[in-house]
Amino acid sequence: MFDPSLHAARLSLGLSPIELWTRYITLGGNLDLTSTDAYLNGLVDVEDIDHDILTHALNESYSDRGENRSLAYRRP
């Protein structure tokens, strides 16, 4: 299920697709850059775990900037 908030967050943070993908991989993500970008643009769906790792990477980016924002995870 496509979540446009992830794409919007990437843009608002000023992260390139490669920068976000690098953060995602560092946290244990397994998707390649092309699949990650396709998901962020609503072209494919991913497993809940991959969505949540991307979400975590974005949430950490907000935290690193001192912003009090938090995107929702799929899994509790």
PDB file of N, CA and C in Angstrom:
ATOM      1  N   MET A   1       0.849  -1.171   0.000  1.00  0.00           N
ATOM      2  CA  MET A   1       0.000   0.000   0.000  1.00  0.00           C
ATOM      3  C   MET A   1       0.896   1.236   0.000  1.00  0.00           C
ATOM      4  N   PHE A   2       0.744   2.075  -1.009  1.00  0.00           N
ATOM      5  CA  PHE A   2       1.548   3.276  -1.180  1.00  0.00           C
ATOM      6  C   PHE A   2       1.248   4.278  -0.071  1.00  0.00           C
ATOM      7  N   ASP A   3       2.294   4.859   0.475  1.00  0.00           N
ATOM      8  CA  ASP A   3       2.159   5.869   1.516  1.00  0.00           C
ATOM      9  C   ASP A   3       2.853   7.139   1.029  1.00  0.00           C
ATOM     10  N   PRO A   4       2.081   8.116   0.533  1.00  0.00           N
ATOM     11  CA  PRO A   4       2.701   9.326  -0.013  1.00  0.00           C
ATOM     12  C   PRO A   4       3.453  10.156   1.027  1.00  0.00           C
ATOM     13  N   SER A   5       3.197   9.913   2.299  1.00  0.00           N
ATOM     14  CA  SER A   5       3.889  10.702   3.324  1.00  0.00           C
ATOM     15  C   SER A   5       5.394  10.430   3.335  1.00  0.00           C
ATOM     16  N   LEU A   6       5.821   9.250   2.929  1.00  0.00           N
ATOM     17  CA  LEU A   6       7.255   8.955   2.907  1.00  0.00           C
ATOM     18  C   LEU A   6       7.953   9.774   1.825  1.00  0.00           C
ATOM     19  N   HIS A   7       7.333   9.833   0.665  1.00  0.00           N
ATOM     20  CA  HIS A   7       7.901  10.626  -0.432  1.00  0.00           C
ATOM     21  C   HIS A   7       7.937  12.103  -0.042  1.00  0.00           C
ATOM     22  N   ALA A   8       6.845  12.580   0.530  1.00  0.00           N
ATOM     23  CA  ALA A   8       6.776  13.981   0.961  1.00  0.00           C
ATOM     24  C   ALA A   8       7.835  14.283   2.027  1.00  0.00           C
ATOM     25  N   ALA A   9       8.048  13.344   2.941  1.00  0.00           N
ATOM     26  CA  ALA A   9       9.054  13.533   3.987  1.00  0.00           C
ATOM     27  C   ALA A   9      10.455  13.594   3.388  1.00  0.00           C
ATOM     28  N   ARG A  10      10.739  12.721   2.441  1.00  0.00           N
ATOM     29  CA  ARG A  10      12.052  12.739   1.794  1.00  0.00           C
ATOM     30  C   ARG A  10      12.303  14.100   1.155  1.00  0.00           C
ATOM     31  N   LEU A  11      11.276  14.612   0.472  1.00  0.00           N
ATOM     32  CA  LEU A  11      11.426  15.915  -0.173  1.00  0.00           C
ATOM     33  C   LEU A  11      11.594  17.033   0.848  1.00  0.00           C
ATOM     34  N   SER A  12      10.791  17.006   1.911  1.00  0.00           N
ATOM     35  CA  SER A  12      10.869  18.082   2.907  1.00  0.00           C
ATOM     36  C   SER A  12      12.206  18.073   3.651  1.00  0.00           C
ATOM     37  N   LEU A  13      12.797  16.898   3.778  1.00  0.00           N
ATOM     38  CA  LEU A  13      14.106  16.785   4.421  1.00  0.00           C
ATOM     39  C   LEU A  13      15.252  17.127   3.467  1.00  0.00           C
ATOM     40  N   GLY A  14      14.937  17.207   2.188  1.00  0.00           N
ATOM     41  CA  GLY A  14      15.966  17.504   1.202  1.00  0.00           C
ATOM     42  C   GLY A  14      16.905  16.344   0.948  1.00  0.00           C
ATOM     43  N   LEU A  15      16.429  15.120   1.211  1.00  0.00           N
ATOM     44  CA  LEU A  15      17.249  13.929   0.987  1.00  0.00           C
ATOM     45  C   LEU A  15      17.098  13.464  -0.455  1.00  0.00           C
ATOM     46  N   SER A  16      18.192  13.168  -1.093  1.00  0.00           N
ATOM     47  CA  SER A  16      18.128  12.561  -2.416  1.00  0.00           C
ATOM     48  C   SER A  16      17.701  11.107  -2.250  1.00  0.00           C
ATOM     49  N   PRO A  17      17.232  10.470  -3.325  1.00  0.00           N
ATOM     50  CA  PRO A  17      16.905   9.047  -3.216  1.00  0.00           C
ATOM     51  C   PRO A  17      18.089   8.214  -2.719  1.00  0.00           C
ATOM     52  N   ILE A  18      19.287   8.554  -3.163  1.00  0.00           N
ATOM     53  CA  ILE A  18      20.469   7.792  -2.739  1.00  0.00           C
ATOM     54  C   ILE A  18      20.749   8.009  -1.255  1.00  0.00           C
ATOM     55  N   GLU A  19      20.595   9.240  -0.770  1.00  0.00           N
ATOM     56  CA  GLU A  19      20.833   9.511   0.651  1.00  0.00           C
ATOM     57  C   GLU A  19      19.854   8.731   1.533  1.00  0.00           C
ATOM     58  N   LEU A  20      18.578   8.733   1.157  1.00  0.00           N
ATOM     59  CA  LEU A  20      17.603   7.977   1.944  1.00  0.00           C
ATOM     60  C   LEU A  20      17.883   6.492   1.847  1.00  0.00           C
ATOM     61  N   TRP A  21      18.181   6.008   0.658  1.00  0.00           N
ATOM     62  CA  TRP A  21      18.463   4.590   0.478  1.00  0.00           C
ATOM     63  C   TRP A  21      19.670   4.168   1.319  1.00  0.00           C
ATOM     64  N   THR A  22      20.692   5.005   1.384  1.00  0.00           N
ATOM     65  CA  THR A  22      21.874   4.690   2.192  1.00  0.00           C
ATOM     66  C   THR A  22      21.499   4.576   3.666  1.00  0.00           C
ATOM     67  N   ARG A  23      20.669   5.489   4.151  1.00  0.00           N
ATOM     68  CA  ARG A  23      20.206   5.409   5.543  1.00  0.00           C
ATOM     69  C   ARG A  23      19.383   4.134   5.761  1.00  0.00           C
ATOM     70  N   TYR A  24      18.544   3.800   4.793  1.00  0.00           N
ATOM     71  CA  TYR A  24      17.708   2.594   4.858  1.00  0.00           C
ATOM     72  C   TYR A  24      18.580   1.331   4.917  1.00  0.00           C
ATOM     73  N   ILE A  25      19.569   1.240   4.059  1.00  0.00           N
ATOM     74  CA  ILE A  25      20.464   0.079   4.028  1.00  0.00           C
ATOM     75  C   ILE A  25      21.229  -0.034   5.345  1.00  0.00           C
ATOM     76  N   THR A  26      21.667   1.096   5.882  1.00  0.00           N
ATOM     77  CA  THR A  26      22.411   1.114   7.140  1.00  0.00           C
ATOM     78  C   THR A  26      21.579   0.537   8.282  1.00  0.00           C
ATOM     79  N   LEU A  27      20.260   0.727   8.211  1.00  0.00           N
ATOM     80  CA  LEU A  27      19.359   0.222   9.254  1.00  0.00           C
ATOM     81  C   LEU A  27      18.934  -1.229   9.012  1.00  0.00           C
ATOM     82  N   GLY A  28      19.427  -1.843   7.948  1.00  0.00           N
ATOM     83  CA  GLY A  28      19.130  -3.251   7.705  1.00  0.00           C
ATOM     84  C   GLY A  28      18.186  -3.522   6.554  1.00  0.00           C
ATOM     85  N   GLY A  29      17.853  -2.501   5.787  1.00  0.00           N
ATOM     86  CA  GLY A  29      16.971  -2.699   4.639  1.00  0.00           C
ATOM     87  C   GLY A  29      17.617  -3.532   3.556  1.00  0.00           C
ATOM     88  N   ASN A  30      16.792  -4.227   2.782  1.00  0.00           N
ATOM     89  CA  ASN A  30      17.313  -5.130   1.760  1.00  0.00           C
ATOM     90  C   ASN A  30      16.950  -4.750   0.330  1.00  0.00           C
ATOM     91  N   LEU A  31      16.101  -3.735   0.149  1.00  0.00           N
ATOM     92  CA  LEU A  31      15.710  -3.349  -1.206  1.00  0.00           C
ATOM     93  C   LEU A  31      16.855  -2.636  -1.907  1.00  0.00           C
ATOM     94  N   ASP A  32      16.926  -2.802  -3.232  1.00  0.00           N
ATOM     95  CA  ASP A  32      17.913  -2.038  -3.977  1.00  0.00           C
ATOM     96  C   ASP A  32      17.383  -0.624  -4.205  1.00  0.00           C
ATOM     97  N   LEU A  33      18.233   0.235  -4.705  1.00  0.00           N
ATOM     98  CA  LEU A  33      17.873   1.635  -4.891  1.00  0.00           C
ATOM     99  C   LEU A  33      16.681   1.788  -5.827  1.00  0.00           C
ATOM    100  N   THR A  34      16.650   1.033  -6.912  1.00  0.00           N
ATOM    101  CA  THR A  34      15.561   1.142  -7.878  1.00  0.00           C
ATOM    102  C   THR A  34      14.227   0.767  -7.254  1.00  0.00           C
ATOM    103  N   SER A  35      14.186  -0.300  -6.491  1.00  0.00           N
ATOM    104  CA  SER A  35      12.948  -0.732  -5.834  1.00  0.00           C
ATOM    105  C   SER A  35      12.506   0.265  -4.768  1.00  0.00           C
ATOM    106  N   THR A  36      13.463   0.809  -4.038  1.00  0.00           N
ATOM    107  CA  THR A  36      13.147   1.797  -3.014  1.00  0.00           C
ATOM    108  C   THR A  36      12.536   3.035  -3.648  1.00  0.00           C
ATOM    109  N   ASP A  37      13.158   3.535  -4.712  1.00  0.00           N
ATOM    110  CA  ASP A  37      12.647   4.709  -5.406  1.00  0.00           C
ATOM    111  C   ASP A  37      11.275   4.437  -6.017  1.00  0.00           C
ATOM    112  N   ALA A  38      11.082   3.246  -6.565  1.00  0.00           N
ATOM    113  CA  ALA A  38       9.779   2.891  -7.139  1.00  0.00           C
ATOM    114  C   ALA A  38       8.694   2.889  -6.063  1.00  0.00           C
ATOM    115  N   TYR A  39       9.014   2.401  -4.879  1.00  0.00           N
ATOM    116  CA  TYR A  39       8.042   2.405  -3.785  1.00  0.00           C
ATOM    117  C   TYR A  39       7.704   3.835  -3.364  1.00  0.00           C
ATOM    118  N   LEU A  40       8.721   4.656  -3.209  1.00  0.00           N
ATOM    119  CA  LEU A  40       8.494   6.038  -2.778  1.00  0.00           C
ATOM    120  C   LEU A  40       7.673   6.831  -3.790  1.00  0.00           C
ATOM    121  N   ASN A  41       7.670   6.380  -5.035  1.00  0.00           N
ATOM    122  CA  ASN A  41       6.896   7.044  -6.079  1.00  0.00           C
ATOM    123  C   ASN A  41       5.581   6.330  -6.396  1.00  0.00           C
ATOM    124  N   GLY A  42       5.222   5.336  -5.570  1.00  0.00           N
ATOM    125  CA  GLY A  42       3.935   4.676  -5.709  1.00  0.00           C
ATOM    126  C   GLY A  42       3.823   3.684  -6.843  1.00  0.00           C
ATOM    127  N   LEU A  43       4.947   3.198  -7.348  1.00  0.00           N
ATOM    128  CA  LEU A  43       4.919   2.278  -8.479  1.00  0.00           C
ATOM    129  C   LEU A  43       4.860   0.814  -8.066  1.00  0.00           C
ATOM    130  N   VAL A  44       5.335   0.510  -6.880  1.00  0.00           N
ATOM    131  CA  VAL A  44       5.316  -0.865  -6.362  1.00  0.00           C
ATOM    132  C   VAL A  44       4.998  -0.810  -4.875  1.00  0.00           C
ATOM    133  N   ASP A  45       4.652  -1.936  -4.306  1.00  0.00           N
ATOM    134  CA  ASP A  45       4.471  -2.025  -2.858  1.00  0.00           C
ATOM    135  C   ASP A  45       5.649  -2.800  -2.288  1.00  0.00           C
ATOM    136  N   VAL A  46       5.867  -2.658  -0.998  1.00  0.00           N
ATOM    137  CA  VAL A  46       6.935  -3.386  -0.322  1.00  0.00           C
ATOM    138  C   VAL A  46       6.372  -4.047   0.923  1.00  0.00           C
ATOM    139  N   GLU A  47       7.140  -4.944   1.475  1.00  0.00           N
ATOM    140  CA  GLU A  47       6.760  -5.604   2.719  1.00  0.00           C
ATOM    141  C   GLU A  47       6.694  -4.577   3.845  1.00  0.00           C
ATOM    142  N   ASP A  48       5.902  -4.885   4.858  1.00  0.00           N
ATOM    143  CA  ASP A  48       5.770  -3.979   5.999  1.00  0.00           C
ATOM    144  C   ASP A  48       7.120  -3.638   6.617  1.00  0.00           C
ATOM    145  N   ILE A  49       8.002  -4.608   6.723  1.00  0.00           N
ATOM    146  CA  ILE A  49       9.308  -4.374   7.350  1.00  0.00           C
ATOM    147  C   ILE A  49      10.101  -3.326   6.574  1.00  0.00           C
ATOM    148  N   ASP A  50      10.049  -3.392   5.241  1.00  0.00           N
ATOM    149  CA  ASP A  50      10.789  -2.421   4.433  1.00  0.00           C
ATOM    150  C   ASP A  50      10.183  -1.026   4.565  1.00  0.00           C
ATOM    151  N   HIS A  51       8.862  -0.952   4.591  1.00  0.00           N
ATOM    152  CA  HIS A  51       8.191   0.331   4.823  1.00  0.00           C
ATOM    153  C   HIS A  51       8.637   0.903   6.169  1.00  0.00           C
ATOM    154  N   ASP A  52       8.647   0.069   7.181  1.00  0.00           N
ATOM    155  CA  ASP A  52       8.992   0.537   8.530  1.00  0.00           C
ATOM    156  C   ASP A  52      10.455   0.950   8.654  1.00  0.00           C
ATOM    157  N   ILE A  53      11.342   0.277   7.946  1.00  0.00           N
ATOM    158  CA  ILE A  53      12.751   0.689   7.980  1.00  0.00           C
ATOM    159  C   ILE A  53      12.923   2.031   7.276  1.00  0.00           C
ATOM    160  N   LEU A  54      12.248   2.223   6.153  1.00  0.00           N
ATOM    161  CA  LEU A  54      12.279   3.528   5.482  1.00  0.00           C
ATOM    162  C   LEU A  54      11.701   4.610   6.386  1.00  0.00           C
ATOM    163  N   THR A  55      10.589   4.296   7.043  1.00  0.00           N
ATOM    164  CA  THR A  55       9.966   5.227   7.972  1.00  0.00           C
ATOM    165  C   THR A  55      10.936   5.589   9.087  1.00  0.00           C
ATOM    166  N   HIS A  56      11.624   4.593   9.617  1.00  0.00           N
ATOM    167  CA  HIS A  56      12.576   4.836  10.703  1.00  0.00           C
ATOM    168  C   HIS A  56      13.734   5.725  10.222  1.00  0.00           C
ATOM    169  N   ALA A  57      14.206   5.474   9.021  1.00  0.00           N
ATOM    170  CA  ALA A  57      15.286   6.299   8.475  1.00  0.00           C
ATOM    171  C   ALA A  57      14.849   7.759   8.363  1.00  0.00           C
ATOM    172  N   LEU A  58      13.621   7.980   7.932  1.00  0.00           N
ATOM    173  CA  LEU A  58      13.101   9.344   7.825  1.00  0.00           C
ATOM    174  C   LEU A  58      12.884   9.958   9.204  1.00  0.00           C
ATOM    175  N   ASN A  59      12.334   9.169  10.127  1.00  0.00           N
ATOM    176  CA  ASN A  59      12.130   9.682  11.491  1.00  0.00           C
ATOM    177  C   ASN A  59      13.459  10.060  12.142  1.00  0.00           C
ATOM    178  N   GLU A  60      14.486   9.258  11.922  1.00  0.00           N
ATOM    179  CA  GLU A  60      15.807   9.595  12.452  1.00  0.00           C
ATOM    180  C   GLU A  60      16.340  10.883  11.822  1.00  0.00           C
ATOM    181  N   SER A  61      16.060  11.064  10.552  1.00  0.00           N
ATOM    182  CA  SER A  61      16.507  12.282   9.871  1.00  0.00           C
ATOM    183  C   SER A  61      15.835  13.508  10.478  1.00  0.00           C
ATOM    184  N   TYR A  62      14.538  13.408  10.755  1.00  0.00           N
ATOM    185  CA  TYR A  62      13.850  14.513  11.432  1.00  0.00           C
ATOM    186  C   TYR A  62      14.484  14.768  12.801  1.00  0.00           C
ATOM    187  N   SER A  63      14.735  13.702  13.529  1.00  0.00           N
ATOM    188  CA  SER A  63      15.325  13.834  14.865  1.00  0.00           C
ATOM    189  C   SER A  63      16.709  14.460  14.801  1.00  0.00           C
ATOM    190  N   ASP A  64      17.513  14.048  13.825  1.00  0.00           N
ATOM    191  CA  ASP A  64      18.858  14.607  13.659  1.00  0.00           C
ATOM    192  C   ASP A  64      18.817  16.116  13.444  1.00  0.00           C
ATOM    193  N   ARG A  65      17.734  16.587  12.855  1.00  0.00           N
ATOM    194  CA  ARG A  65      17.579  18.016  12.583  1.00  0.00           C
ATOM    195  C   ARG A  65      16.865  18.746  13.714  1.00  0.00           C
ATOM    196  N   GLY A  66      16.514  18.006  14.756  1.00  0.00           N
ATOM    197  CA  GLY A  66      15.835  18.610  15.891  1.00  0.00           C
ATOM    198  C   GLY A  66      14.360  18.900  15.637  1.00  0.00           C
ATOM    199  N   GLU A  67      13.813  18.263  14.614  1.00  0.00           N
ATOM    200  CA  GLU A  67      12.397  18.454  14.288  1.00  0.00           C
ATOM    201  C   GLU A  67      11.563  17.410  15.014  1.00  0.00           C
ATOM    202  N   ASN A  68      10.475  17.839  15.590  1.00  0.00           N
ATOM    203  CA  ASN A  68       9.597  16.949  16.339  1.00  0.00           C
ATOM    204  C   ASN A  68       8.496  16.415  15.420  1.00  0.00           C
ATOM    205  N   ARG A  69       8.895  15.606  14.461  1.00  0.00           N
ATOM    206  CA  ARG A  69       7.945  14.974  13.539  1.00  0.00           C
ATOM    207  C   ARG A  69       8.141  13.475  13.632  1.00  0.00           C
ATOM    208  N   SER A  70       7.073  12.746  13.366  1.00  0.00           N
ATOM    209  CA  SER A  70       7.163  11.294  13.405  1.00  0.00           C
ATOM    210  C   SER A  70       6.170  10.699  12.420  1.00  0.00           C
ATOM    211  N   LEU A  71       6.698   9.949  11.464  1.00  0.00           N
ATOM    212  CA  LEU A  71       5.862   9.243  10.508  1.00  0.00           C
ATOM    213  C   LEU A  71       5.382   7.927  11.121  1.00  0.00           C
ATOM    214  N   ALA A  72       4.229   7.481  10.691  1.00  0.00           N
ATOM    215  CA  ALA A  72       3.637   6.258  11.249  1.00  0.00           C
ATOM    216  C   ALA A  72       4.246   4.996  10.645  1.00  0.00           C
ATOM    217  N   TYR A  73       4.480   4.032  11.512  1.00  0.00           N
ATOM    218  CA  TYR A  73       4.928   2.713  11.079  1.00  0.00           C
ATOM    219  C   TYR A  73       3.712   1.864  10.730  1.00  0.00           C
ATOM    220  N   ARG A  74       3.898   0.863   9.877  1.00  0.00           N
ATOM    221  CA  ARG A  74       2.808  -0.070   9.579  1.00  0.00           C
ATOM    222  C   ARG A  74       2.583  -1.054  10.707  1.00  0.00           C
ATOM    223  N   ARG A  75       3.690  -1.501  11.300  1.00  0.00           N
ATOM    224  CA  ARG A  75       3.598  -2.497  12.374  1.00  0.00           C
ATOM    225  C   ARG A  75       3.795  -1.811  13.705  1.00  0.00           C
ATOM    226  N   PRO A  76       3.022  -2.195  14.672  1.00  0.00           N
ATOM    227  CA  PRO A  76       3.151  -1.572  16.007  1.00  0.00           C
ATOM    228  C   PRO A  76       4.483  -1.910  16.676  1.00  0.00           C
TER     229      PRO A  76
END
